[in-house]
Amino acid sequence: MNKRLLLGFSLLLFCTVSEGLVCRVCKYKLGKVCLDTDEPCKAADGQFCETTKVYAGELFLFKRYGCGKYAELCNKTERRENAFNMSYERTCCDTDLCNA
């Protein structure tokens, strides 16, 4: 009986771990409303859940949620010098559905 219980628990633990990190997805969130949402995504190995705040100059435009593709962009601000002076402030997390 104990061996079966241990085997069942081990199987459950393996299935949970092998599924990978699940992240919320929203392409454009204004206030509390997501204008373009999708099913949660599964982050690949080495990826994180990502939240990006998008600004034009000092003006906050919207947030974006999803699976981050590049770990080196986590917790950094990317600035693009163009007519709108866009900046992308990214934060990352590593637990299921943590990016919201």
PDB file of N, CA and C in Angstrom:
ATOM      1  N   MET A   1       0.830  -1.200   0.000  1.00  0.00           N
ATOM      2  CA  MET A   1       0.000   0.000   0.000  1.00  0.00           C
ATOM      3  C   MET A   1       0.873   1.263   0.000  1.00  0.00           C
ATOM      4  N   ASN A   2       1.879   1.299   0.860  1.00  0.00           N
ATOM      5  CA  ASN A   2       2.756   2.474   0.928  1.00  0.00           C
ATOM      6  C   ASN A   2       3.519   2.680  -0.371  1.00  0.00           C
ATOM      7  N   LYS A   3       3.929   1.563  -1.032  1.00  0.00           N
ATOM      8  CA  LYS A   3       4.660   1.669  -2.285  1.00  0.00           C
ATOM      9  C   LYS A   3       3.768   2.263  -3.374  1.00  0.00           C
ATOM     10  N   ARG A   4       2.511   1.873  -3.384  1.00  0.00           N
ATOM     11  CA  ARG A   4       1.573   2.413  -4.382  1.00  0.00           C
ATOM     12  C   ARG A   4       1.327   3.896  -4.141  1.00  0.00           C
ATOM     13  N   LEU A   5       1.176   4.262  -2.906  1.00  0.00           N
ATOM     14  CA  LEU A   5       0.964   5.660  -2.556  1.00  0.00           C
ATOM     15  C   LEU A   5       2.179   6.500  -2.955  1.00  0.00           C
ATOM     16  N   LEU A   6       3.373   6.000  -2.672  1.00  0.00           N
ATOM     17  CA  LEU A   6       4.594   6.694  -3.033  1.00  0.00           C
ATOM     18  C   LEU A   6       4.724   6.801  -4.555  1.00  0.00           C
ATOM     19  N   LEU A   7       4.414   5.736  -5.266  1.00  0.00           N
ATOM     20  CA  LEU A   7       4.466   5.748  -6.719  1.00  0.00           C
ATOM     21  C   LEU A   7       3.477   6.764  -7.296  1.00  0.00           C
ATOM     22  N   GLY A   8       2.266   6.799  -6.766  1.00  0.00           N
ATOM     23  CA  GLY A   8       1.248   7.749  -7.223  1.00  0.00           C
ATOM     24  C   GLY A   8       1.673   9.184  -6.969  1.00  0.00           C
ATOM     25  N   PHE A   9       2.231   9.436  -5.796  1.00  0.00           N
ATOM     26  CA  PHE A   9       2.699  10.786  -5.469  1.00  0.00           C
ATOM     27  C   PHE A   9       3.851  11.188  -6.382  1.00  0.00           C
ATOM     28  N   SER A  10       4.776  10.274  -6.634  1.00  0.00           N
ATOM     29  CA  SER A  10       5.919  10.558  -7.512  1.00  0.00           C
ATOM     30  C   SER A  10       5.449  10.877  -8.926  1.00  0.00           C
ATOM     31  N   LEU A  11       4.482  10.133  -9.415  1.00  0.00           N
ATOM     32  CA  LEU A  11       3.937  10.366 -10.746  1.00  0.00           C
ATOM     33  C   LEU A  11       3.268  11.733 -10.829  1.00  0.00           C
ATOM     34  N   LEU A  12       2.491  12.077  -9.816  1.00  0.00           N
ATOM     35  CA  LEU A  12       1.813  13.369  -9.764  1.00  0.00           C
ATOM     36  C   LEU A  12       2.832  14.502  -9.741  1.00  0.00           C
ATOM     37  N   LEU A  13       3.866  14.361  -8.954  1.00  0.00           N
ATOM     38  CA  LEU A  13       4.909  15.375  -8.858  1.00  0.00           C
ATOM     39  C   LEU A  13       5.632  15.520 -10.195  1.00  0.00           C
ATOM     40  N   PHE A  14       5.959  14.412 -10.837  1.00  0.00           N
ATOM     41  CA  PHE A  14       6.640  14.446 -12.132  1.00  0.00           C
ATOM     42  C   PHE A  14       5.786  15.146 -13.176  1.00  0.00           C
ATOM     43  N   CYS A  15       4.504  14.846 -13.228  1.00  0.00           N
ATOM     44  CA  CYS A  15       3.608  15.466 -14.216  1.00  0.00           C
ATOM     45  C   CYS A  15       3.495  16.960 -13.982  1.00  0.00           C
ATOM     46  N   THR A  16       3.450  17.376 -12.732  1.00  0.00           N
ATOM     47  CA  THR A  16       3.338  18.793 -12.412  1.00  0.00           C
ATOM     48  C   THR A  16       4.606  19.526 -12.811  1.00  0.00           C
ATOM     49  N   VAL A  17       5.767  18.966 -12.514  1.00  0.00           N
ATOM     50  CA  VAL A  17       7.029  19.617 -12.821  1.00  0.00           C
ATOM     51  C   VAL A  17       7.285  19.648 -14.324  1.00  0.00           C
ATOM     52  N   SER A  18       6.923  18.592 -15.017  1.00  0.00           N
ATOM     53  CA  SER A  18       7.241  18.500 -16.440  1.00  0.00           C
ATOM     54  C   SER A  18       6.370  19.395 -17.317  1.00  0.00           C
ATOM     55  N   GLU A  19       5.296  19.942 -16.784  1.00  0.00           N
ATOM     56  CA  GLU A  19       4.409  20.767 -17.592  1.00  0.00           C
ATOM     57  C   GLU A  19       5.022  22.103 -17.949  1.00  0.00           C
ATOM     58  N   GLY A  20       5.885  22.654 -17.149  1.00  0.00           N
ATOM     59  CA  GLY A  20       6.523  23.927 -17.450  1.00  0.00           C
ATOM     60  C   GLY A  20       5.763  25.108 -16.886  1.00  0.00           C
ATOM     61  N   LEU A  21       6.353  26.239 -17.038  1.00  0.00           N
ATOM     62  CA  LEU A  21       5.826  27.494 -16.513  1.00  0.00           C
ATOM     63  C   LEU A  21       4.689  28.006 -17.396  1.00  0.00           C
ATOM     64  N   VAL A  22       3.569  28.373 -16.783  1.00  0.00           N
ATOM     65  CA  VAL A  22       2.397  28.881 -17.499  1.00  0.00           C
ATOM     66  C   VAL A  22       2.258  30.376 -17.205  1.00  0.00           C
ATOM     67  N   CYS A  23       2.102  31.167 -18.267  1.00  0.00           N
ATOM     68  CA  CYS A  23       2.054  32.630 -18.133  1.00  0.00           C
ATOM     69  C   CYS A  23       0.762  33.194 -18.717  1.00  0.00           C
ATOM     70  N   ARG A  24       0.279  34.290 -18.123  1.00  0.00           N
ATOM     71  CA  ARG A  24      -0.884  34.996 -18.676  1.00  0.00           C
ATOM     72  C   ARG A  24      -0.480  35.688 -19.976  1.00  0.00           C
ATOM     73  N   VAL A  25      -1.457  35.865 -20.864  1.00  0.00           N
ATOM     74  CA  VAL A  25      -1.214  36.531 -22.139  1.00  0.00           C
ATOM     75  C   VAL A  25      -2.240  37.655 -22.328  1.00  0.00           C
ATOM     76  N   CYS A  26      -1.746  38.835 -22.591  1.00  0.00           N
ATOM     77  CA  CYS A  26      -2.582  39.986 -22.931  1.00  0.00           C
ATOM     78  C   CYS A  26      -1.709  40.919 -23.760  1.00  0.00           C
ATOM     79  N   LYS A  27      -2.142  41.234 -24.951  1.00  0.00           N
ATOM     80  CA  LYS A  27      -1.308  42.068 -25.825  1.00  0.00           C
ATOM     81  C   LYS A  27      -1.435  43.554 -25.508  1.00  0.00           C
ATOM     82  N   TYR A  28      -2.634  44.001 -25.100  1.00  0.00           N
ATOM     83  CA  TYR A  28      -2.849  45.412 -24.796  1.00  0.00           C
ATOM     84  C   TYR A  28      -3.773  45.534 -23.606  1.00  0.00           C
ATOM     85  N   LYS A  29      -3.252  45.909 -22.453  1.00  0.00           N
ATOM     86  CA  LYS A  29      -4.079  46.102 -21.268  1.00  0.00           C
ATOM     87  C   LYS A  29      -4.096  47.585 -20.922  1.00  0.00           C
ATOM     88  N   LEU A  30      -5.300  48.157 -20.949  1.00  0.00           N
ATOM     89  CA  LEU A  30      -5.509  49.553 -20.589  1.00  0.00           C
ATOM     90  C   LEU A  30      -6.335  49.582 -19.321  1.00  0.00           C
ATOM     91  N   GLY A  31      -5.781  50.097 -18.248  1.00  0.00           N
ATOM     92  CA  GLY A  31      -6.479  50.062 -16.966  1.00  0.00           C
ATOM     93  C   GLY A  31      -6.692  48.627 -16.547  1.00  0.00           C
ATOM     94  N   LYS A  32      -7.944  48.234 -16.350  1.00  0.00           N
ATOM     95  CA  LYS A  32      -8.257  46.857 -15.941  1.00  0.00           C
ATOM     96  C   LYS A  32      -8.774  46.008 -17.089  1.00  0.00           C
ATOM     97  N   VAL A  33      -8.783  46.566 -18.304  1.00  0.00           N
ATOM     98  CA  VAL A  33      -9.359  45.879 -19.456  1.00  0.00           C
ATOM     99  C   VAL A  33      -8.258  45.405 -20.405  1.00  0.00           C
ATOM    100  N   CYS A  34      -8.313  44.125 -20.742  1.00  0.00           N
ATOM    101  CA  CYS A  34      -7.400  43.576 -21.734  1.00  0.00           C
ATOM    102  C   CYS A  34      -8.103  43.592 -23.086  1.00  0.00           C
ATOM    103  N   LEU A  35      -7.517  44.301 -24.050  1.00  0.00           N
ATOM    104  CA  LEU A  35      -8.157  44.453 -25.355  1.00  0.00           C
ATOM    105  C   LEU A  35      -7.870  43.302 -26.304  1.00  0.00           C
ATOM    106  N   ASP A  36      -6.792  42.586 -26.105  1.00  0.00           N
ATOM    107  CA  ASP A  36      -6.446  41.468 -26.988  1.00  0.00           C
ATOM    108  C   ASP A  36      -5.807  40.375 -26.135  1.00  0.00           C
ATOM    109  N   THR A  37      -6.611  39.397 -25.728  1.00  0.00           N
ATOM    110  CA  THR A  37      -6.123  38.346 -24.852  1.00  0.00           C
ATOM    111  C   THR A  37      -6.102  37.013 -25.575  1.00  0.00           C
ATOM    112  N   ASP A  38      -5.411  36.071 -25.000  1.00  0.00           N
ATOM    113  CA  ASP A  38      -5.297  34.741 -25.580  1.00  0.00           C
ATOM    114  C   ASP A  38      -5.182  33.752 -24.427  1.00  0.00           C
ATOM    115  N   GLU A  39      -5.166  32.471 -24.754  1.00  0.00           N
ATOM    116  CA  GLU A  39      -4.976  31.440 -23.740  1.00  0.00           C
ATOM    117  C   GLU A  39      -3.593  31.604 -23.123  1.00  0.00           C
ATOM    118  N   PRO A  40      -3.422  31.183 -21.864  1.00  0.00           N
ATOM    119  CA  PRO A  40      -2.083  31.249 -21.260  1.00  0.00           C
ATOM    120  C   PRO A  40      -1.061  30.496 -22.117  1.00  0.00           C
ATOM    121  N   CYS A  41       0.182  30.973 -22.093  1.00  0.00           N
ATOM    122  CA  CYS A  41       1.248  30.333 -22.865  1.00  0.00           C
ATOM    123  C   CYS A  41       2.144  29.524 -21.933  1.00  0.00           C
ATOM    124  N   LYS A  42       2.851  28.576 -22.491  1.00  0.00           N
ATOM    125  CA  LYS A  42       3.842  27.797 -21.752  1.00  0.00           C
ATOM    126  C   LYS A  42       5.222  28.307 -22.117  1.00  0.00           C
ATOM    127  N   ALA A  43       5.960  28.737 -21.123  1.00  0.00           N
ATOM    128  CA  ALA A  43       7.313  29.224 -21.363  1.00  0.00           C
ATOM    129  C   ALA A  43       8.242  28.049 -21.644  1.00  0.00           C
ATOM    130  N   ALA A  44       9.125  28.224 -22.584  1.00  0.00           N
ATOM    131  CA  ALA A  44      10.120  27.202 -22.900  1.00  0.00           C
ATOM    132  C   ALA A  44      11.191  27.198 -21.799  1.00  0.00           C
ATOM    133  N   ASP A  45      12.036  26.192 -21.811  1.00  0.00           N
ATOM    134  CA  ASP A  45      13.120  26.124 -20.831  1.00  0.00           C
ATOM    135  C   ASP A  45      13.948  27.403 -20.866  1.00  0.00           C
ATOM    136  N   GLY A  46      14.217  27.954 -19.698  1.00  0.00           N
ATOM    137  CA  GLY A  46      15.022  29.162 -19.607  1.00  0.00           C
ATOM    138  C   GLY A  46      14.245  30.443 -19.817  1.00  0.00           C
ATOM    139  N   GLN A  47      12.955  30.348 -20.116  1.00  0.00           N
ATOM    140  CA  GLN A  47      12.140  31.540 -20.295  1.00  0.00           C
ATOM    141  C   GLN A  47      11.361  31.837 -19.015  1.00  0.00           C
ATOM    142  N   PHE A  48      10.799  33.030 -18.956  1.00  0.00           N
ATOM    143  CA  PHE A  48      10.056  33.498 -17.797  1.00  0.00           C
ATOM    144  C   PHE A  48       8.728  34.086 -18.240  1.00  0.00           C
ATOM    145  N   CYS A  49       7.833  34.307 -17.272  1.00  0.00           N
ATOM    146  CA  CYS A  49       6.630  35.092 -17.535  1.00  0.00           C
ATOM    147  C   CYS A  49       7.061  36.557 -17.523  1.00  0.00           C
ATOM    148  N   GLU A  50       6.515  37.332 -18.435  1.00  0.00           N
ATOM    149  CA  GLU A  50       6.975  38.708 -18.605  1.00  0.00           C
ATOM    150  C   GLU A  50       5.811  39.687 -18.559  1.00  0.00           C
ATOM    151  N   THR A  51       6.041  40.807 -17.913  1.00  0.00           N
ATOM    152  CA  THR A  51       5.127  41.948 -17.939  1.00  0.00           C
ATOM    153  C   THR A  51       5.902  43.110 -18.530  1.00  0.00           C
ATOM    154  N   THR A  52       5.346  43.751 -19.546  1.00  0.00           N
ATOM    155  CA  THR A  52       6.005  44.892 -20.183  1.00  0.00           C
ATOM    156  C   THR A  52       5.103  46.106 -20.075  1.00  0.00           C
ATOM    157  N   LYS A  53       5.647  47.198 -19.547  1.00  0.00           N
ATOM    158  CA  LYS A  53       4.945  48.480 -19.521  1.00  0.00           C
ATOM    159  C   LYS A  53       5.513  49.313 -20.664  1.00  0.00           C
ATOM    160  N   VAL A  54       4.614  49.853 -21.491  1.00  0.00           N
ATOM    161  CA  VAL A  54       5.036  50.601 -22.680  1.00  0.00           C
ATOM    162  C   VAL A  54       4.733  52.088 -22.464  1.00  0.00           C
ATOM    163  N   TYR A  55       5.753  52.918 -22.728  1.00  0.00           N
ATOM    164  CA  TYR A  55       5.639  54.362 -22.552  1.00  0.00           C
ATOM    165  C   TYR A  55       6.014  55.073 -23.847  1.00  0.00           C
ATOM    166  N   ALA A  56       5.380  56.214 -24.069  1.00  0.00           N
ATOM    167  CA  ALA A  56       5.810  57.151 -25.111  1.00  0.00           C
ATOM    168  C   ALA A  56       6.314  58.369 -24.356  1.00  0.00           C
ATOM    169  N   GLY A  57       7.609  58.525 -24.298  1.00  0.00           N
ATOM    170  CA  GLY A  57       8.188  59.558 -23.434  1.00  0.00           C
ATOM    171  C   GLY A  57       7.889  59.204 -21.991  1.00  0.00           C
ATOM    172  N   GLU A  58       7.249  60.110 -21.269  1.00  0.00           N
ATOM    173  CA  GLU A  58       6.855  59.867 -19.876  1.00  0.00           C
ATOM    174  C   GLU A  58       5.413  59.365 -19.761  1.00  0.00           C
ATOM    175  N   LEU A  59       4.682  59.332 -20.878  1.00  0.00           N
ATOM    176  CA  LEU A  59       3.271  58.956 -20.889  1.00  0.00           C
ATOM    177  C   LEU A  59       3.105  57.437 -20.960  1.00  0.00           C
ATOM    178  N   PHE A  60       2.477  56.852 -19.933  1.00  0.00           N
ATOM    179  CA  PHE A  60       2.205  55.413 -19.926  1.00  0.00           C
ATOM    180  C   PHE A  60       1.121  55.102 -20.951  1.00  0.00           C
ATOM    181  N   LEU A  61       1.363  54.108 -21.824  1.00  0.00           N
ATOM    182  CA  LEU A  61       0.393  53.746 -22.849  1.00  0.00           C
ATOM    183  C   LEU A  61      -0.401  52.495 -22.484  1.00  0.00           C
ATOM    184  N   PHE A  62       0.291  51.373 -22.254  1.00  0.00           N
ATOM    185  CA  PHE A  62      -0.393  50.120 -21.942  1.00  0.00           C
ATOM    186  C   PHE A  62       0.585  49.108 -21.364  1.00  0.00           C
ATOM    187  N   LYS A  63       0.018  47.992 -20.873  1.00  0.00           N
ATOM    188  CA  LYS A  63       0.811  46.859 -20.390  1.00  0.00           C
ATOM    189  C   LYS A  63       0.634  45.698 -21.357  1.00  0.00           C
ATOM    190  N   ARG A  64       1.603  44.805 -21.338  1.00  0.00           N
ATOM    191  CA  ARG A  64       1.561  43.591 -22.165  1.00  0.00           C
ATOM    192  C   ARG A  64       2.054  42.432 -21.298  1.00  0.00           C
ATOM    193  N   TYR A  65       1.357  41.286 -21.376  1.00  0.00           N
ATOM    194  CA  TYR A  65       1.745  40.083 -20.635  1.00  0.00           C
ATOM    195  C   TYR A  65       2.017  38.954 -21.610  1.00  0.00           C
ATOM    196  N   GLY A  66       2.947  38.075 -21.265  1.00  0.00           N
ATOM    197  CA  GLY A  66       3.198  36.910 -22.095  1.00  0.00           C
ATOM    198  C   GLY A  66       4.404  36.124 -21.627  1.00  0.00           C
ATOM    199  N   CYS A  67       4.837  35.189 -22.451  1.00  0.00           N
ATOM    200  CA  CYS A  67       6.042  34.407 -22.191  1.00  0.00           C
ATOM    201  C   CYS A  67       7.226  35.177 -22.738  1.00  0.00           C
ATOM    202  N   GLY A  68       8.177  35.485 -21.875  1.00  0.00           N
ATOM    203  CA  GLY A  68       9.370  36.206 -22.304  1.00  0.00           C
ATOM    204  C   GLY A  68      10.265  35.319 -23.145  1.00  0.00           C
ATOM    205  N   LYS A  69      10.784  35.845 -24.233  1.00  0.00           N
ATOM    206  CA  LYS A  69      11.641  35.060 -25.121  1.00  0.00           C
ATOM    207  C   LYS A  69      13.115  35.200 -24.775  1.00  0.00           C
ATOM    208  N   TYR A  70      13.485  36.305 -24.153  1.00  0.00           N
ATOM    209  CA  TYR A  70      14.894  36.572 -23.887  1.00  0.00           C
ATOM    210  C   TYR A  70      15.105  36.920 -22.420  1.00  0.00           C
ATOM    211  N   ALA A  71      15.695  36.006 -21.677  1.00  0.00           N
ATOM    212  CA  ALA A  71      15.910  36.211 -20.240  1.00  0.00           C
ATOM    213  C   ALA A  71      16.780  37.440 -19.973  1.00  0.00           C
ATOM    214  N   GLU A  72      17.676  37.771 -20.896  1.00  0.00           N
ATOM    215  CA  GLU A  72      18.570  38.915 -20.678  1.00  0.00           C
ATOM    216  C   GLU A  72      17.827  40.255 -20.700  1.00  0.00           C
ATOM    217  N   LEU A  73      16.578  40.280 -21.169  1.00  0.00           N
ATOM    218  CA  LEU A  73      15.786  41.514 -21.165  1.00  0.00           C
ATOM    219  C   LEU A  73      14.995  41.701 -19.875  1.00  0.00           C
ATOM    220  N   CYS A  74      14.984  40.684 -19.027  1.00  0.00           N
ATOM    221  CA  CYS A  74      14.222  40.763 -17.777  1.00  0.00           C
ATOM    222  C   CYS A  74      14.735  41.874 -16.879  1.00  0.00           C
ATOM    223  N   ASN A  75      13.796  42.575 -16.268  1.00  0.00           N
ATOM    224  CA  ASN A  75      14.083  43.629 -15.297  1.00  0.00           C
ATOM    225  C   ASN A  75      14.976  44.726 -15.869  1.00  0.00           C
ATOM    226  N   LYS A  76      14.722  45.056 -17.131  1.00  0.00           N
ATOM    227  CA  LYS A  76      15.452  46.126 -17.790  1.00  0.00           C
ATOM    228  C   LYS A  76      14.475  47.018 -18.542  1.00  0.00           C
ATOM    229  N   THR A  77      14.932  48.219 -18.875  1.00  0.00           N
ATOM    230  CA  THR A  77      14.144  49.143 -19.682  1.00  0.00           C
ATOM    231  C   THR A  77      14.850  49.331 -21.017  1.00  0.00           C
ATOM    232  N   GLU A  78      14.125  49.111 -22.093  1.00  0.00           N
ATOM    233  CA  GLU A  78      14.655  49.295 -23.438  1.00  0.00           C
ATOM    234  C   GLU A  78      14.082  50.595 -23.994  1.00  0.00           C
ATOM    235  N   ARG A  79      14.948  51.467 -24.455  1.00  0.00           N
ATOM    236  CA  ARG A  79      14.505  52.740 -25.035  1.00  0.00           C
ATOM    237  C   ARG A  79      14.801  52.746 -26.530  1.00  0.00           C
ATOM    238  N   ARG A  80      13.818  53.197 -27.285  1.00  0.00           N
ATOM    239  CA  ARG A  80      13.993  53.313 -28.736  1.00  0.00           C
ATOM    240  C   ARG A  80      13.903  54.780 -29.113  1.00  0.00           C
ATOM    241  N   GLU A  81      14.972  55.276 -29.652  1.00  0.00           N
ATOM    242  CA  GLU A  81      15.030  56.679 -30.064  1.00  0.00           C
ATOM    243  C   GLU A  81      14.341  56.826 -31.419  1.00  0.00           C
ATOM    244  N   ASN A  82      13.115  57.318 -31.389  1.00  0.00           N
ATOM    245  CA  ASN A  82      12.365  57.587 -32.615  1.00  0.00           C
ATOM    246  C   ASN A  82      11.441  58.769 -32.344  1.00  0.00           C
ATOM    247  N   ALA A  83      10.525  59.042 -33.228  1.00  0.00           N
ATOM    248  CA  ALA A  83       9.638  60.198 -33.076  1.00  0.00           C
ATOM    249  C   ALA A  83       8.802  60.136 -31.797  1.00  0.00           C
ATOM    250  N   PHE A  84       8.505  58.913 -31.312  1.00  0.00           N
ATOM    251  CA  PHE A  84       7.647  58.765 -30.137  1.00  0.00           C
ATOM    252  C   PHE A  84       8.431  58.526 -28.853  1.00  0.00           C
ATOM    253  N   ASN A  85       9.757  58.344 -28.947  1.00  0.00           N
ATOM    254  CA  ASN A  85      10.603  58.114 -27.781  1.00  0.00           C
ATOM    255  C   ASN A  85      10.052  56.973 -26.918  1.00  0.00           C
ATOM    256  N   MET A  86       9.801  55.824 -27.553  1.00  0.00           N
ATOM    257  CA  MET A  86       9.193  54.672 -26.889  1.00  0.00           C
ATOM    258  C   MET A  86      10.158  54.017 -25.907  1.00  0.00           C
ATOM    259  N   SER A  87       9.615  53.534 -24.795  1.00  0.00           N
ATOM    260  CA  SER A  87      10.407  52.725 -23.861  1.00  0.00           C
ATOM    261  C   SER A  87       9.566  51.549 -23.387  1.00  0.00           C
ATOM    262  N   TYR A  88      10.259  50.443 -23.133  1.00  0.00           N
ATOM    263  CA  TYR A  88       9.625  49.184 -22.748  1.00  0.00           C
ATOM    264  C   TYR A  88      10.271  48.719 -21.451  1.00  0.00           C
ATOM    265  N   GLU A  89       9.504  48.767 -20.378  1.00  0.00           N
ATOM    266  CA  GLU A  89       9.996  48.382 -19.061  1.00  0.00           C
ATOM    267  C   GLU A  89       9.536  46.954 -18.766  1.00  0.00           C
ATOM    268  N   ARG A  90      10.482  46.011 -18.747  1.00  0.00           N
ATOM    269  CA  ARG A  90      10.135  44.593 -18.586  1.00  0.00           C
ATOM    270  C   ARG A  90      10.477  44.093 -17.202  1.00  0.00           C
ATOM    271  N   THR A  91       9.537  43.340 -16.624  1.00  0.00           N
ATOM    272  CA  THR A  91       9.803  42.606 -15.393  1.00  0.00           C
ATOM    273  C   THR A  91       9.429  41.151 -15.647  1.00  0.00           C
ATOM    274  N   CYS A  92      10.120  40.247 -14.977  1.00  0.00           N
ATOM    275  CA  CYS A  92       9.895  38.820 -15.182  1.00  0.00           C
ATOM    276  C   CYS A  92       9.656  38.120 -13.854  1.00  0.00           C
ATOM    277  N   CYS A  93       8.978  36.985 -13.919  1.00  0.00           N
ATOM    278  CA  CYS A  93       8.729  36.166 -12.739  1.00  0.00           C
ATOM    279  C   CYS A  93       8.718  34.701 -13.159  1.00  0.00           C
ATOM    280  N   ASP A  94       8.793  33.813 -12.189  1.00  0.00           N
ATOM    281  CA  ASP A  94       8.985  32.393 -12.533  1.00  0.00           C
ATOM    282  C   ASP A  94       8.049  31.438 -11.810  1.00  0.00           C
ATOM    283  N   THR A  95       6.831  31.892 -11.514  1.00  0.00           N
ATOM    284  CA  THR A  95       5.810  30.991 -10.978  1.00  0.00           C
ATOM    285  C   THR A  95       4.583  31.076 -11.888  1.00  0.00           C
ATOM    286  N   ASP A  96       3.779  30.034 -11.908  1.00  0.00           N
ATOM    287  CA  ASP A  96       2.622  29.990 -12.801  1.00  0.00           C
ATOM    288  C   ASP A  96       1.709  31.194 -12.622  1.00  0.00           C
ATOM    289  N   LEU A  97       1.352  31.814 -13.743  1.00  0.00           N
ATOM    290  CA  LEU A  97       0.403  32.935 -13.816  1.00  0.00           C
ATOM    291  C   LEU A  97       0.800  34.113 -12.931  1.00  0.00           C
ATOM    292  N   CYS A  98       2.087  34.341 -12.780  1.00  0.00           N
ATOM    293  CA  CYS A  98       2.575  35.404 -11.896  1.00  0.00           C
ATOM    294  C   CYS A  98       2.588  36.774 -12.562  1.00  0.00           C
ATOM    295  N   ASN A  99       2.424  36.843 -13.868  1.00  0.00           N
ATOM    296  CA  ASN A  99       2.570  38.111 -14.593  1.00  0.00           C
ATOM    297  C   ASN A  99       1.232  38.813 -14.819  1.00  0.00           C
ATOM    298  N   ALA A 100       0.722  39.405 -13.770  1.00  0.00           N
ATOM    299  CA  ALA A 100      -0.502  40.201 -13.917  1.00  0.00           C
ATOM    300  C   ALA A 100      -0.679  41.142 -12.750  1.00  0.00           C
TER     301      ALA A 100
END
